[in-house]
Structure formats: C-alpha cells, structure tokens
Amino acid sequence: MSILREQIFAYLRQIPHGKVVTYGQIGAHLGNRHLARAVGNLLHTNPDPFYYPCYKVVSAAGALTDNYPFGGIRGQQKLLEAEGIAVINGRVDLATCQWQEDQPKSVI
C-alpha cells in the first residue's frame, strides 16, 4: 500500500460516528488541499467500506457522489442516515455534521 493511501485510509478510521469530511479536507490533512481528486481516486480502491468508512467523504458542497463504489448515492445515503446524518436532495449539511479535527496536520 502506498504511503498516501495508508494515510488516507488511516484518516478515515478517525472520523467520529455521525460526522463527515470532504475530499479537500483529507487533502489538507495530508498537507495539500489540491489532493482532493487523488483522494477520490484512492477511495475507489477501498477493500472494506465498513472498516474504512469512505461513505463519510462528501464534496466541498456536502454532495454525495454517484461514483460511490458501494451502491452509488443510494448506498452512501443509507450508510450516512444509519449514523444519524440527514441527507436532503443528495447533500448533507456541513455546518452541522462536518468533523473539524483539532489535531495537528501531517505533511507528506
């Protein structure tokens, strides 16, 4: 597993129950917000969506993705709602459910 992939998947394990993050937020955690697209591509290699909860990753606007590899938008929505996260018109309210980590950021 590449170092970038390892760091992304380790970050997914830290997201608290009932919270989401954005692709750019993961990139920023890794030291470069512009890694958002690379983050999305690597999430498609997720071997276990429950151990590595990639369903908790949404766009910067809070939108779910048609490309969610485990059932598309409907699959992602079901998993988010199971955690108590409201999904309205394919979006979550980042103001209420985005995780704001308070730990230092790593740099790759």
C-alpha atoms as a PDB file:
ATOM      1  CA  MET A   1       0.000   0.000   0.000  1.00  0.00           C
ATOM      2  CA  SER A   2       1.385   3.432  -0.887  1.00  0.00           C
ATOM      3  CA  ILE A   3       2.155   5.902   1.877  1.00  0.00           C
ATOM      4  CA  LEU A   4      -0.528   8.292   0.589  1.00  0.00           C
ATOM      5  CA  ARG A   5      -3.127   5.519   0.504  1.00  0.00           C
ATOM      6  CA  GLU A   6      -2.143   4.366   4.006  1.00  0.00           C
ATOM      7  CA  GLN A   7      -2.526   7.910   5.361  1.00  0.00           C
ATOM      8  CA  ILE A   8      -5.906   8.403   3.688  1.00  0.00           C
ATOM      9  CA  PHE A   9      -7.276   5.119   4.990  1.00  0.00           C
ATOM     10  CA  ALA A  10      -5.904   5.781   8.487  1.00  0.00           C
ATOM     11  CA  TYR A  11      -7.658   9.175   8.440  1.00  0.00           C
ATOM     12  CA  LEU A  12     -10.969   7.541   7.514  1.00  0.00           C
ATOM     13  CA  ARG A  13     -10.748   5.426  10.682  1.00  0.00           C
ATOM     14  CA  GLN A  14     -10.542   8.620  12.789  1.00  0.00           C
ATOM     15  CA  ILE A  15     -13.801  10.198  11.590  1.00  0.00           C
ATOM     16  CA  PRO A  16     -16.227  10.100  14.515  1.00  0.00           C
ATOM     17  CA  HIS A  17     -19.660   8.495  14.331  1.00  0.00           C
ATOM     18  CA  GLY A  18     -22.209  10.916  12.861  1.00  0.00           C
ATOM     19  CA  LYS A  19     -19.596  13.104  11.152  1.00  0.00           C
ATOM     20  CA  VAL A  20     -18.383  13.567   7.571  1.00  0.00           C
ATOM     21  CA  VAL A  21     -15.332  15.084   5.900  1.00  0.00           C
ATOM     22  CA  THR A  22     -14.677  16.436   2.426  1.00  0.00           C
ATOM     23  CA  TYR A  23     -12.171  15.221  -0.153  1.00  0.00           C
ATOM     24  CA  GLY A  24     -10.326  18.535   0.161  1.00  0.00           C
ATOM     25  CA  GLN A  25     -10.327  18.257   3.927  1.00  0.00           C
ATOM     26  CA  ILE A  26      -8.489  14.936   3.689  1.00  0.00           C
ATOM     27  CA  GLY A  27      -6.051  16.522   1.239  1.00  0.00           C
ATOM     28  CA  ALA A  28      -5.496  19.435   3.619  1.00  0.00           C
ATOM     29  CA  HIS A  29      -4.875  16.998   6.465  1.00  0.00           C
ATOM     30  CA  LEU A  30      -2.174  15.441   4.295  1.00  0.00           C
ATOM     31  CA  GLY A  31      -0.670  18.864   3.617  1.00  0.00           C
ATOM     32  CA  ASN A  32      -2.197  19.717   0.235  1.00  0.00           C
ATOM     33  CA  ARG A  33      -5.888  20.551  -0.296  1.00  0.00           C
ATOM     34  CA  HIS A  34      -5.332  20.006  -4.038  1.00  0.00           C
ATOM     35  CA  LEU A  35      -5.051  16.257  -3.429  1.00  0.00           C
ATOM     36  CA  ALA A  36      -8.861  16.047  -3.373  1.00  0.00           C
ATOM     37  CA  ARG A  37      -9.077  14.283  -6.749  1.00  0.00           C
ATOM     38  CA  ALA A  38      -6.317  11.835  -5.796  1.00  0.00           C
ATOM     39  CA  VAL A  39      -8.165  11.126  -2.547  1.00  0.00           C
ATOM     40  CA  GLY A  40     -11.334  10.325  -4.507  1.00  0.00           C
ATOM     41  CA  ASN A  41      -9.456   8.022  -6.852  1.00  0.00           C
ATOM     42  CA  LEU A  42      -7.804   6.158  -3.995  1.00  0.00           C
ATOM     43  CA  LEU A  43     -11.119   5.727  -2.174  1.00  0.00           C
ATOM     44  CA  HIS A  44     -12.235   3.566  -5.106  1.00  0.00           C
ATOM     45  CA  THR A  45      -9.627   1.013  -4.018  1.00  0.00           C
ATOM     46  CA  ASN A  46     -11.206   0.649  -0.586  1.00  0.00           C
ATOM     47  CA  PRO A  47     -11.225  -3.045   0.336  1.00  0.00           C
ATOM     48  CA  ASP A  48     -13.717  -2.669   3.210  1.00  0.00           C
ATOM     49  CA  PRO A  49     -16.179   0.260   3.380  1.00  0.00           C
ATOM     50  CA  PHE A  50     -17.096  -0.521   6.977  1.00  0.00           C
ATOM     51  CA  TYR A  51     -13.557  -0.709   8.339  1.00  0.00           C
ATOM     52  CA  TYR A  52     -12.520   2.277   6.195  1.00  0.00           C
ATOM     53  CA  PRO A  53     -15.741   4.346   6.113  1.00  0.00           C
ATOM     54  CA  CYS A  54     -15.329   6.109   2.778  1.00  0.00           C
ATOM     55  CA  TYR A  55     -19.085   6.747   2.754  1.00  0.00           C
ATOM     56  CA  LYS A  56     -18.332   9.583   5.204  1.00  0.00           C
ATOM     57  CA  VAL A  57     -16.491  11.542   2.484  1.00  0.00           C
ATOM     58  CA  VAL A  58     -18.512  14.131   0.549  1.00  0.00           C
ATOM     59  CA  SER A  59     -17.816  17.019  -1.818  1.00  0.00           C
ATOM     60  CA  ALA A  60     -16.921  20.517  -0.633  1.00  0.00           C
ATOM     61  CA  ALA A  61     -20.612  21.391  -1.104  1.00  0.00           C
ATOM     62  CA  GLY A  62     -21.736  18.424   1.002  1.00  0.00           C
ATOM     63  CA  ALA A  63     -22.893  16.436  -2.024  1.00  0.00           C
ATOM     64  CA  LEU A  64     -22.897  12.661  -2.152  1.00  0.00           C
ATOM     65  CA  THR A  65     -21.415  11.005  -5.207  1.00  0.00           C
ATOM     66  CA  ASP A  66     -22.869   8.894  -7.992  1.00  0.00           C
ATOM     67  CA  ASN A  67     -19.469   7.225  -8.096  1.00  0.00           C
ATOM     68  CA  TYR A  68     -19.643   5.856  -4.554  1.00  0.00           C
ATOM     69  CA  PRO A  69     -18.270   2.357  -5.236  1.00  0.00           C
ATOM     70  CA  PHE A  70     -20.629   0.551  -2.853  1.00  0.00           C
ATOM     71  CA  GLY A  71     -24.085   1.348  -4.229  1.00  0.00           C
ATOM     72  CA  GLY A  72     -23.834   4.883  -5.598  1.00  0.00           C
ATOM     73  CA  ILE A  73     -25.704   7.752  -3.966  1.00  0.00           C
ATOM     74  CA  ARG A  74     -28.398   5.482  -2.511  1.00  0.00           C
ATOM     75  CA  GLY A  75     -25.817   3.228  -0.860  1.00  0.00           C
ATOM     76  CA  GLN A  76     -23.913   6.182   0.559  1.00  0.00           C
ATOM     77  CA  GLN A  77     -27.123   7.838   1.762  1.00  0.00           C
ATOM     78  CA  LYS A  78     -28.278   4.693   3.583  1.00  0.00           C
ATOM     79  CA  LEU A  79     -24.971   4.407   5.449  1.00  0.00           C
ATOM     80  CA  LEU A  80     -24.942   8.096   6.406  1.00  0.00           C
ATOM     81  CA  GLU A  81     -28.542   8.004   7.589  1.00  0.00           C
ATOM     82  CA  ALA A  82     -27.738   4.919   9.682  1.00  0.00           C
ATOM     83  CA  GLU A  83     -25.344   7.195  11.592  1.00  0.00           C
ATOM     84  CA  GLY A  84     -27.999   9.847  12.064  1.00  0.00           C
ATOM     85  CA  ILE A  85     -26.719  12.149   9.309  1.00  0.00           C
ATOM     86  CA  ALA A  86     -29.585  13.767   7.414  1.00  0.00           C
ATOM     87  CA  VAL A  87     -29.333  13.694   3.632  1.00  0.00           C
ATOM     88  CA  ILE A  88     -31.582  16.128   1.772  1.00  0.00           C
ATOM     89  CA  ASN A  89     -31.588  16.230  -2.025  1.00  0.00           C
ATOM     90  CA  GLY A  90     -28.311  14.289  -2.153  1.00  0.00           C
ATOM     91  CA  ARG A  91     -26.487  16.598   0.256  1.00  0.00           C
ATOM     92  CA  VAL A  92     -25.524  16.784   3.892  1.00  0.00           C
ATOM     93  CA  ASP A  93     -25.376  19.975   5.936  1.00  0.00           C
ATOM     94  CA  LEU A  94     -21.674  20.510   6.523  1.00  0.00           C
ATOM     95  CA  ALA A  95     -22.414  23.175   9.125  1.00  0.00           C
ATOM     96  CA  THR A  96     -23.856  20.519  11.410  1.00  0.00           C
ATOM     97  CA  CYS A  97     -22.096  17.283  10.513  1.00  0.00           C
ATOM     98  CA  GLN A  98     -18.603  18.110   9.238  1.00  0.00           C
ATOM     99  CA  TRP A  99     -15.844  16.871  11.506  1.00  0.00           C
ATOM    100  CA  GLN A 100     -13.430  19.607  12.489  1.00  0.00           C
ATOM    101  CA  GLU A 101     -10.343  17.841  13.735  1.00  0.00           C
ATOM    102  CA  ASP A 102      -8.276  19.592  16.324  1.00  0.00           C
ATOM    103  CA  GLN A 103      -5.109  17.586  15.928  1.00  0.00           C
ATOM    104  CA  PRO A 104      -2.007  18.718  14.065  1.00  0.00           C
ATOM    105  CA  LYS A 105      -1.818  18.006  10.369  1.00  0.00           C
ATOM    106  CA  SER A 106       0.753  15.648   8.915  1.00  0.00           C
ATOM    107  CA  VAL A 107       2.740  16.637   5.866  1.00  0.00           C
ATOM    108  CA  ILE A 108       3.629  14.258   3.058  1.00  0.00           C
END
